[in-house]
Amino acid sequence: SIFQFKQGNVLDGQRRILVVDEISESGDTQRIA
């Protein structure tokens, strides 16, 4: 729902997505994201 718009979801399809965190201590935030 965060990325949903009237015309569809902006992240649907064969997207290549990079998740970026500034500082990783345990890595858990990146893992669950």
PDB file of all heavy atoms in Angstrom:
ATOM      1  N   SER A   1       0.820  -1.217   0.000  1.00  0.00           N
ATOM      2  CA  SER A   1       0.000   0.000   0.000  1.00  0.00           C
ATOM      3  C   SER A   1       0.853   1.265   0.000  1.00  0.00           C
ATOM      4  O   SER A   1       0.418   2.313  -0.486  1.00  0.00           O
ATOM      5  CB  SER A   1      -0.940  -0.007   1.203  1.00  0.00           C
ATOM      6  OG  SER A   1      -0.218   0.120   2.428  1.00  0.00           O
ATOM      7  N   ILE A   2       2.073   1.183   0.540  1.00  0.00           N
ATOM      8  CA  ILE A   2       2.960   2.345   0.567  1.00  0.00           C
ATOM      9  C   ILE A   2       3.300   2.801  -0.851  1.00  0.00           C
ATOM     10  O   ILE A   2       3.439   3.998  -1.124  1.00  0.00           O
ATOM     11  CB  ILE A   2       4.252   2.020   1.342  1.00  0.00           C
ATOM     12  CG1 ILE A   2       3.934   1.721   2.810  1.00  0.00           C
ATOM     13  CG2 ILE A   2       5.253   3.171   1.240  1.00  0.00           C
ATOM     14  CD1 ILE A   2       5.137   1.235   3.593  1.00  0.00           C
ATOM     15  N   PHE A   3       3.433   1.844  -1.753  1.00  0.00           N
ATOM     16  CA  PHE A   3       3.878   2.151  -3.120  1.00  0.00           C
ATOM     17  C   PHE A   3       2.746   2.026  -4.139  1.00  0.00           C
ATOM     18  O   PHE A   3       2.981   1.928  -5.339  1.00  0.00           O
ATOM     19  CB  PHE A   3       5.023   1.208  -3.501  1.00  0.00           C
ATOM     20  CG  PHE A   3       6.173   1.242  -2.530  1.00  0.00           C
ATOM     21  CD1 PHE A   3       6.369   0.210  -1.624  1.00  0.00           C
ATOM     22  CD2 PHE A   3       7.042   2.322  -2.499  1.00  0.00           C
ATOM     23  CE1 PHE A   3       7.420   0.246  -0.713  1.00  0.00           C
ATOM     24  CE2 PHE A   3       8.090   2.378  -1.594  1.00  0.00           C
ATOM     25  CZ  PHE A   3       8.278   1.334  -0.698  1.00  0.00           C
ATOM     26  N   GLN A   4       1.501   2.020  -3.654  1.00  0.00           N
ATOM     27  CA  GLN A   4       0.346   1.849  -4.523  1.00  0.00           C
ATOM     28  C   GLN A   4      -0.207   3.193  -4.972  1.00  0.00           C
ATOM     29  O   GLN A   4      -0.400   4.100  -4.164  1.00  0.00           O
ATOM     30  CB  GLN A   4      -0.752   1.067  -3.797  1.00  0.00           C
ATOM     31  CG  GLN A   4      -1.960   0.718  -4.660  1.00  0.00           C
ATOM     32  CD  GLN A   4      -1.624  -0.318  -5.706  1.00  0.00           C
ATOM     33  OE1 GLN A   4      -0.884  -1.265  -5.437  1.00  0.00           O
ATOM     34  NE2 GLN A   4      -2.144  -0.137  -6.911  1.00  0.00           N
ATOM     35  N   PHE A   5      -0.453   3.311  -6.271  1.00  0.00           N
ATOM     36  CA  PHE A   5      -1.085   4.497  -6.824  1.00  0.00           C
ATOM     37  C   PHE A   5      -2.263   4.050  -7.690  1.00  0.00           C
ATOM     38  O   PHE A   5      -2.446   2.860  -7.941  1.00  0.00           O
ATOM     39  CB  PHE A   5      -0.087   5.311  -7.656  1.00  0.00           C
ATOM     40  CG  PHE A   5       1.013   5.918  -6.823  1.00  0.00           C
ATOM     41  CD1 PHE A   5       2.172   5.201  -6.566  1.00  0.00           C
ATOM     42  CD2 PHE A   5       0.876   7.189  -6.299  1.00  0.00           C
ATOM     43  CE1 PHE A   5       3.186   5.749  -5.792  1.00  0.00           C
ATOM     44  CE2 PHE A   5       1.887   7.743  -5.516  1.00  0.00           C
ATOM     45  CZ  PHE A   5       3.038   7.020  -5.264  1.00  0.00           C
ATOM     46  N   LYS A   6      -3.054   4.994  -8.151  1.00  0.00           N
ATOM     47  CA  LYS A   6      -4.247   4.654  -8.935  1.00  0.00           C
ATOM     48  C   LYS A   6      -3.902   3.813 -10.160  1.00  0.00           C
ATOM     49  O   LYS A   6      -4.623   2.889 -10.519  1.00  0.00           O
ATOM     50  CB  LYS A   6      -4.971   5.933  -9.363  1.00  0.00           C
ATOM     51  CG  LYS A   6      -5.770   6.600  -8.252  1.00  0.00           C
ATOM     52  CD  LYS A   6      -6.556   7.775  -8.784  1.00  0.00           C
ATOM     53  CE  LYS A   6      -7.397   8.394  -7.678  1.00  0.00           C
ATOM     54  NZ  LYS A   6      -8.194   9.558  -8.171  1.00  0.00           N
ATOM     55  N   GLN A   7      -2.804   4.158 -10.793  1.00  0.00           N
ATOM     56  CA  GLN A   7      -2.437   3.475 -12.028  1.00  0.00           C
ATOM     57  C   GLN A   7      -1.737   2.143 -11.785  1.00  0.00           C
ATOM     58  O   GLN A   7      -1.390   1.440 -12.734  1.00  0.00           O
ATOM     59  CB  GLN A   7      -1.545   4.363 -12.911  1.00  0.00           C
ATOM     60  CG  GLN A   7      -0.232   4.770 -12.265  1.00  0.00           C
ATOM     61  CD  GLN A   7      -0.318   6.058 -11.491  1.00  0.00           C
ATOM     62  OE1 GLN A   7      -1.363   6.334 -10.892  1.00  0.00           O
ATOM     63  NE2 GLN A   7       0.740   6.849 -11.509  1.00  0.00           N
ATOM     64  N   GLY A   8      -1.513   1.797 -10.522  1.00  0.00           N
ATOM     65  CA  GLY A   8      -0.873   0.520 -10.211  1.00  0.00           C
ATOM     66  C   GLY A   8       0.216   0.696  -9.169  1.00  0.00           C
ATOM     67  O   GLY A   8       0.420   1.785  -8.631  1.00  0.00           O
ATOM     68  N   ASN A   9       0.910  -0.398  -8.897  1.00  0.00           N
ATOM     69  CA  ASN A   9       1.976  -0.345  -7.905  1.00  0.00           C
ATOM     70  C   ASN A   9       3.310  -0.076  -8.589  1.00  0.00           C
ATOM     71  O   ASN A   9       3.673  -0.767  -9.555  1.00  0.00           O
ATOM     72  CB  ASN A   9       2.050  -1.654  -7.121  1.00  0.00           C
ATOM     73  CG  ASN A   9       2.786  -1.483  -5.814  1.00  0.00           C
ATOM     74  OD1 ASN A   9       3.972  -1.219  -5.795  1.00  0.00           O
ATOM     75  ND2 ASN A   9       2.074  -1.613  -4.703  1.00  0.00           N
ATOM     76  N   VAL A  10       4.042   0.899  -8.090  1.00  0.00           N
ATOM     77  CA  VAL A  10       5.266   1.330  -8.763  1.00  0.00           C
ATOM     78  C   VAL A  10       6.384   0.294  -8.679  1.00  0.00           C
ATOM     79  O   VAL A  10       7.367   0.378  -9.418  1.00  0.00           O
ATOM     80  CB  VAL A  10       5.767   2.674  -8.200  1.00  0.00           C
ATOM     81  CG1 VAL A  10       4.756   3.773  -8.477  1.00  0.00           C
ATOM     82  CG2 VAL A  10       6.053   2.573  -6.706  1.00  0.00           C
ATOM     83  N   LEU A  11       6.255  -0.679  -7.773  1.00  0.00           N
ATOM     84  CA  LEU A  11       7.315  -1.676  -7.636  1.00  0.00           C
ATOM     85  C   LEU A  11       6.955  -3.036  -8.234  1.00  0.00           C
ATOM     86  O   LEU A  11       7.728  -3.985  -8.119  1.00  0.00           O
ATOM     87  CB  LEU A  11       7.704  -1.853  -6.157  1.00  0.00           C
ATOM     88  CG  LEU A  11       8.318  -0.636  -5.471  1.00  0.00           C
ATOM     89  CD1 LEU A  11       8.780  -0.999  -4.064  1.00  0.00           C
ATOM     90  CD2 LEU A  11       9.487  -0.074  -6.277  1.00  0.00           C
ATOM     91  N   ASP A  12       5.794  -3.135  -8.866  1.00  0.00           N
ATOM     92  CA  ASP A  12       5.435  -4.388  -9.518  1.00  0.00           C
ATOM     93  C   ASP A  12       6.287  -4.604 -10.769  1.00  0.00           C
ATOM     94  O   ASP A  12       6.791  -3.657 -11.371  1.00  0.00           O
ATOM     95  CB  ASP A  12       3.951  -4.386  -9.899  1.00  0.00           C
ATOM     96  CG  ASP A  12       3.063  -4.796  -8.734  1.00  0.00           C
ATOM     97  OD1 ASP A  12       3.578  -5.439  -7.795  1.00  0.00           O
ATOM     98  OD2 ASP A  12       1.862  -4.461  -8.758  1.00  0.00           O
ATOM     99  N   GLY A  13       6.422  -5.865 -11.147  1.00  0.00           N
ATOM    100  CA  GLY A  13       7.197  -6.196 -12.338  1.00  0.00           C
ATOM    101  C   GLY A  13       8.612  -6.609 -11.984  1.00  0.00           C
ATOM    102  O   GLY A  13       8.973  -6.753 -10.813  1.00  0.00           O
ATOM    103  N   GLN A  14       9.408  -6.778 -12.993  1.00  0.00           N
ATOM    104  CA  GLN A  14      10.780  -7.275 -12.807  1.00  0.00           C
ATOM    105  C   GLN A  14      11.723  -6.122 -12.462  1.00  0.00           C
ATOM    106  O   GLN A  14      12.646  -5.794 -13.210  1.00  0.00           O
ATOM    107  CB  GLN A  14      11.229  -8.027 -14.057  1.00  0.00           C
ATOM    108  CG  GLN A  14      10.412  -9.281 -14.303  1.00  0.00           C
ATOM    109  CD  GLN A  14      10.905 -10.069 -15.491  1.00  0.00           C
ATOM    110  OE1 GLN A  14      11.555  -9.542 -16.394  1.00  0.00           O
ATOM    111  NE2 GLN A  14      10.602 -11.352 -15.505  1.00  0.00           N
ATOM    112  N   ARG A  15      11.486  -5.553 -11.341  1.00  0.00           N
ATOM    113  CA  ARG A  15      12.315  -4.453 -10.854  1.00  0.00           C
ATOM    114  C   ARG A  15      13.621  -4.985 -10.278  1.00  0.00           C
ATOM    115  O   ARG A  15      13.700  -6.096  -9.766  1.00  0.00           O
ATOM    116  CB  ARG A  15      11.573  -3.692  -9.754  1.00  0.00           C
ATOM    117  CG  ARG A  15      10.418  -2.855 -10.239  1.00  0.00           C
ATOM    118  CD  ARG A  15      10.908  -1.541 -10.835  1.00  0.00           C
ATOM    119  NE  ARG A  15       9.918  -0.484 -10.736  1.00  0.00           N
ATOM    120  CZ  ARG A  15      10.187   0.807 -10.868  1.00  0.00           C
ATOM    121  NH1 ARG A  15      11.425   1.203 -11.092  1.00  0.00           N
ATOM    122  NH2 ARG A  15       9.243   1.707 -10.792  1.00  0.00           N
ATOM    123  N   ARG A  16      14.639  -4.147 -10.363  1.00  0.00           N
ATOM    124  CA  ARG A  16      15.897  -4.426  -9.664  1.00  0.00           C
ATOM    125  C   ARG A  16      15.997  -3.400  -8.547  1.00  0.00           C
ATOM    126  O   ARG A  16      16.134  -2.192  -8.798  1.00  0.00           O
ATOM    127  CB  ARG A  16      17.098  -4.339 -10.610  1.00  0.00           C
ATOM    128  CG  ARG A  16      17.145  -5.499 -11.601  1.00  0.00           C
ATOM    129  CD  ARG A  16      18.383  -5.434 -12.498  1.00  0.00           C
ATOM    130  NE  ARG A  16      19.631  -5.432 -11.720  1.00  0.00           N
ATOM    131  CZ  ARG A  16      20.179  -6.519 -11.192  1.00  0.00           C
ATOM    132  NH1 ARG A  16      19.601  -7.701 -11.338  1.00  0.00           N
ATOM    133  NH2 ARG A  16      21.327  -6.431 -10.513  1.00  0.00           N
ATOM    134  N   ILE A  17      15.882  -3.881  -7.302  1.00  0.00           N
ATOM    135  CA  ILE A  17      15.743  -3.010  -6.139  1.00  0.00           C
ATOM    136  C   ILE A  17      16.959  -3.157  -5.220  1.00  0.00           C
ATOM    137  O   ILE A  17      17.313  -4.275  -4.829  1.00  0.00           O
ATOM    138  CB  ILE A  17      14.460  -3.346  -5.349  1.00  0.00           C
ATOM    139  CG1 ILE A  17      13.227  -3.166  -6.248  1.00  0.00           C
ATOM    140  CG2 ILE A  17      14.351  -2.477  -4.101  1.00  0.00           C
ATOM    141  CD1 ILE A  17      11.931  -3.652  -5.604  1.00  0.00           C
ATOM    142  N   LEU A  18      17.575  -2.030  -4.893  1.00  0.00           N
ATOM    143  CA  LEU A  18      18.673  -2.009  -3.932  1.00  0.00           C
ATOM    144  C   LEU A  18      18.172  -1.357  -2.651  1.00  0.00           C
ATOM    145  O   LEU A  18      17.672  -0.233  -2.664  1.00  0.00           O
ATOM    146  CB  LEU A  18      19.865  -1.226  -4.482  1.00  0.00           C
ATOM    147  CG  LEU A  18      21.117  -1.210  -3.589  1.00  0.00           C
ATOM    148  CD1 LEU A  18      21.744  -2.604  -3.515  1.00  0.00           C
ATOM    149  CD2 LEU A  18      22.140  -0.193  -4.089  1.00  0.00           C
ATOM    150  N   VAL A  19      18.302  -2.073  -1.543  1.00  0.00           N
ATOM    151  CA  VAL A  19      17.921  -1.556  -0.227  1.00  0.00           C
ATOM    152  C   VAL A  19      19.175  -0.988   0.441  1.00  0.00           C
ATOM    153  O   VAL A  19      20.163  -1.697   0.624  1.00  0.00           O
ATOM    154  CB  VAL A  19      17.315  -2.668   0.651  1.00  0.00           C
ATOM    155  CG1 VAL A  19      16.939  -2.112   2.025  1.00  0.00           C
ATOM    156  CG2 VAL A  19      16.095  -3.287  -0.033  1.00  0.00           C
ATOM    157  N   VAL A  20      19.138   0.293   0.806  1.00  0.00           N
ATOM    158  CA  VAL A  20      20.321   0.965   1.348  1.00  0.00           C
ATOM    159  C   VAL A  20      20.072   1.401   2.791  1.00  0.00           C
ATOM    160  O   VAL A  20      19.078   2.071   3.092  1.00  0.00           O
ATOM    161  CB  VAL A  20      20.706   2.192   0.489  1.00  0.00           C
ATOM    162  CG1 VAL A  20      21.822   2.985   1.169  1.00  0.00           C
ATOM    163  CG2 VAL A  20      21.148   1.747  -0.897  1.00  0.00           C
ATOM    164  N   ASP A  21      20.982   0.999   3.675  1.00  0.00           N
ATOM    165  CA  ASP A  21      20.989   1.480   5.054  1.00  0.00           C
ATOM    166  C   ASP A  21      22.282   2.253   5.264  1.00  0.00           C
ATOM    167  O   ASP A  21      23.314   1.914   4.676  1.00  0.00           O
ATOM    168  CB  ASP A  21      20.914   0.301   6.027  1.00  0.00           C
ATOM    169  CG  ASP A  21      20.453   0.722   7.411  1.00  0.00           C
ATOM    170  OD1 ASP A  21      20.147   1.918   7.598  1.00  0.00           O
ATOM    171  OD2 ASP A  21      20.396  -0.147   8.305  1.00  0.00           O
ATOM    172  N   GLU A  22      22.231   3.291   6.094  1.00  0.00           N
ATOM    173  CA  GLU A  22      23.452   4.084   6.290  1.00  0.00           C
ATOM    174  C   GLU A  22      24.486   3.305   7.099  1.00  0.00           C
ATOM    175  O   GLU A  22      25.637   3.178   6.695  1.00  0.00           O
ATOM    176  CB  GLU A  22      23.146   5.406   7.000  1.00  0.00           C
ATOM    177  CG  GLU A  22      24.379   6.295   7.041  1.00  0.00           C
ATOM    178  CD  GLU A  22      24.355   7.312   8.169  1.00  0.00           C
ATOM    179  OE1 GLU A  22      23.603   7.135   9.134  1.00  0.00           O
ATOM    180  OE2 GLU A  22      25.121   8.277   8.079  1.00  0.00           O
ATOM    181  N   ILE A  23      24.074   2.776   8.240  1.00  0.00           N
ATOM    182  CA  ILE A  23      24.997   2.042   9.108  1.00  0.00           C
ATOM    183  C   ILE A  23      24.365   0.705   9.466  1.00  0.00           C
ATOM    184  O   ILE A  23      23.242   0.644   9.954  1.00  0.00           O
ATOM    185  CB  ILE A  23      25.310   2.828  10.393  1.00  0.00           C
ATOM    186  CG1 ILE A  23      25.984   4.158  10.058  1.00  0.00           C
ATOM    187  CG2 ILE A  23      26.202   2.010  11.322  1.00  0.00           C
ATOM    188  CD1 ILE A  23      26.206   5.068  11.248  1.00  0.00           C
ATOM    189  N   SER A  24      25.099  -0.365   9.210  1.00  0.00           N
ATOM    190  CA  SER A  24      24.614  -1.702   9.540  1.00  0.00           C
ATOM    191  C   SER A  24      25.408  -2.238  10.719  1.00  0.00           C
ATOM    192  O   SER A  24      26.631  -2.363  10.649  1.00  0.00           O
ATOM    193  CB  SER A  24      24.761  -2.639   8.334  1.00  0.00           C
ATOM    194  OG  SER A  24      24.395  -3.949   8.676  1.00  0.00           O
ATOM    195  N   GLU A  25      24.733  -2.548  11.805  1.00  0.00           N
ATOM    196  CA  GLU A  25      25.390  -3.124  12.977  1.00  0.00           C
ATOM    197  C   GLU A  25      25.199  -4.647  12.990  1.00  0.00           C
ATOM    198  O   GLU A  25      26.138  -5.400  12.816  1.00  0.00           O
ATOM    199  CB  GLU A  25      24.836  -2.475  14.248  1.00  0.00           C
ATOM    200  CG  GLU A  25      25.160  -0.989  14.328  1.00  0.00           C
ATOM    201  CD  GLU A  25      24.515  -0.319  15.536  1.00  0.00           C
ATOM    202  OE1 GLU A  25      23.975  -1.053  16.391  1.00  0.00           O
ATOM    203  OE2 GLU A  25      24.543   0.914  15.619  1.00  0.00           O
ATOM    204  N   SER A  26      23.956  -5.091  13.124  1.00  0.00           N
ATOM    205  CA  SER A  26      23.683  -6.533  13.096  1.00  0.00           C
ATOM    206  C   SER A  26      23.316  -6.999  11.695  1.00  0.00           C
ATOM    207  O   SER A  26      23.427  -8.185  11.379  1.00  0.00           O
ATOM    208  CB  SER A  26      22.532  -6.866  14.051  1.00  0.00           C
ATOM    209  OG  SER A  26      21.319  -6.300  13.586  1.00  0.00           O
ATOM    210  N   GLY A  27      22.852  -6.066  10.842  1.00  0.00           N
ATOM    211  CA  GLY A  27      22.371  -6.426   9.515  1.00  0.00           C
ATOM    212  C   GLY A  27      20.903  -6.809   9.501  1.00  0.00           C
ATOM    213  O   GLY A  27      20.331  -7.067   8.434  1.00  0.00           O
ATOM    214  N   ASP A  28      20.263  -6.836  10.672  1.00  0.00           N
ATOM    215  CA  ASP A  28      18.880  -7.284  10.751  1.00  0.00           C
ATOM    216  C   ASP A  28      17.907  -6.350  10.035  1.00  0.00           C
ATOM    217  O   ASP A  28      16.921  -6.812   9.444  1.00  0.00           O
ATOM    218  CB  ASP A  28      18.458  -7.445  12.218  1.00  0.00           C
ATOM    219  CG  ASP A  28      18.833  -8.802  12.780  1.00  0.00           C
ATOM    220  OD1 ASP A  28      19.461  -9.596  12.039  1.00  0.00           O
ATOM    221  OD2 ASP A  28      18.513  -9.080  13.951  1.00  0.00           O
ATOM    222  N   THR A  29      18.136  -5.042  10.094  1.00  0.00           N
ATOM    223  CA  THR A  29      17.231  -4.119   9.414  1.00  0.00           C
ATOM    224  C   THR A  29      17.223  -4.384   7.916  1.00  0.00           C
ATOM    225  O   THR A  29      16.165  -4.432   7.284  1.00  0.00           O
ATOM    226  CB  THR A  29      17.632  -2.654   9.685  1.00  0.00           C
ATOM    227  OG1 THR A  29      17.723  -2.436  11.090  1.00  0.00           O
ATOM    228  CG2 THR A  29      16.600  -1.707   9.099  1.00  0.00           C
ATOM    229  N   GLN A  30      18.402  -4.591   7.349  1.00  0.00           N
ATOM    230  CA  GLN A  30      18.490  -4.891   5.925  1.00  0.00           C
ATOM    231  C   GLN A  30      17.861  -6.244   5.602  1.00  0.00           C
ATOM    232  O   GLN A  30      17.195  -6.401   4.581  1.00  0.00           O
ATOM    233  CB  GLN A  30      19.946  -4.891   5.477  1.00  0.00           C
ATOM    234  CG  GLN A  30      20.595  -3.525   5.494  1.00  0.00           C
ATOM    235  CD  GLN A  30      22.075  -3.644   5.215  1.00  0.00           C
ATOM    236  OE1 GLN A  30      22.853  -4.021   6.081  1.00  0.00           O
ATOM    237  NE2 GLN A  30      22.466  -3.360   4.001  1.00  0.00           N
ATOM    238  N   ARG A  31      18.085  -7.212   6.485  1.00  0.00           N
ATOM    239  CA  ARG A  31      17.537  -8.560   6.229  1.00  0.00           C
ATOM    240  C   ARG A  31      16.012  -8.553   6.192  1.00  0.00           C
ATOM    241  O   ARG A  31      15.403  -9.078   5.255  1.00  0.00           O
ATOM    242  CB  ARG A  31      18.027  -9.537   7.301  1.00  0.00           C
ATOM    243  CG  ARG A  31      19.492  -9.883   7.229  1.00  0.00           C
ATOM    244  CD  ARG A  31      19.837 -11.006   8.188  1.00  0.00           C
ATOM    245  NE  ARG A  31      21.270 -11.156   8.346  1.00  0.00           N
ATOM    246  CZ  ARG A  31      21.974 -10.641   9.356  1.00  0.00           C
ATOM    247  NH1 ARG A  31      21.356  -9.970  10.316  1.00  0.00           N
ATOM    248  NH2 ARG A  31      23.281 -10.796   9.420  1.00  0.00           N
ATOM    249  N   ILE A  32      15.396  -7.967   7.217  1.00  0.00           N
ATOM    250  CA  ILE A  32      13.942  -7.995   7.257  1.00  0.00           C
ATOM    251  C   ILE A  32      13.355  -7.108   6.163  1.00  0.00           C
ATOM    252  O   ILE A  32      12.314  -7.448   5.572  1.00  0.00           O
ATOM    253  CB  ILE A  32      13.400  -7.607   8.654  1.00  0.00           C
ATOM    254  CG1 ILE A  32      11.897  -7.892   8.726  1.00  0.00           C
ATOM    255  CG2 ILE A  32      13.704  -6.160   8.990  1.00  0.00           C
ATOM    256  CD1 ILE A  32      11.516  -9.337   8.477  1.00  0.00           C
ATOM    257  N   ALA A  33      14.000  -5.991   5.853  1.00  0.00           N
ATOM    258  CA  ALA A  33      13.517  -5.135   4.768  1.00  0.00           C
ATOM    259  C   ALA A  33      13.550  -5.896   3.448  1.00  0.00           C
ATOM    260  O   ALA A  33      12.582  -5.858   2.666  1.00  0.00           O
ATOM    261  CB  ALA A  33      14.358  -3.868   4.675  1.00  0.00           C
TER     262      ALA A  33
END
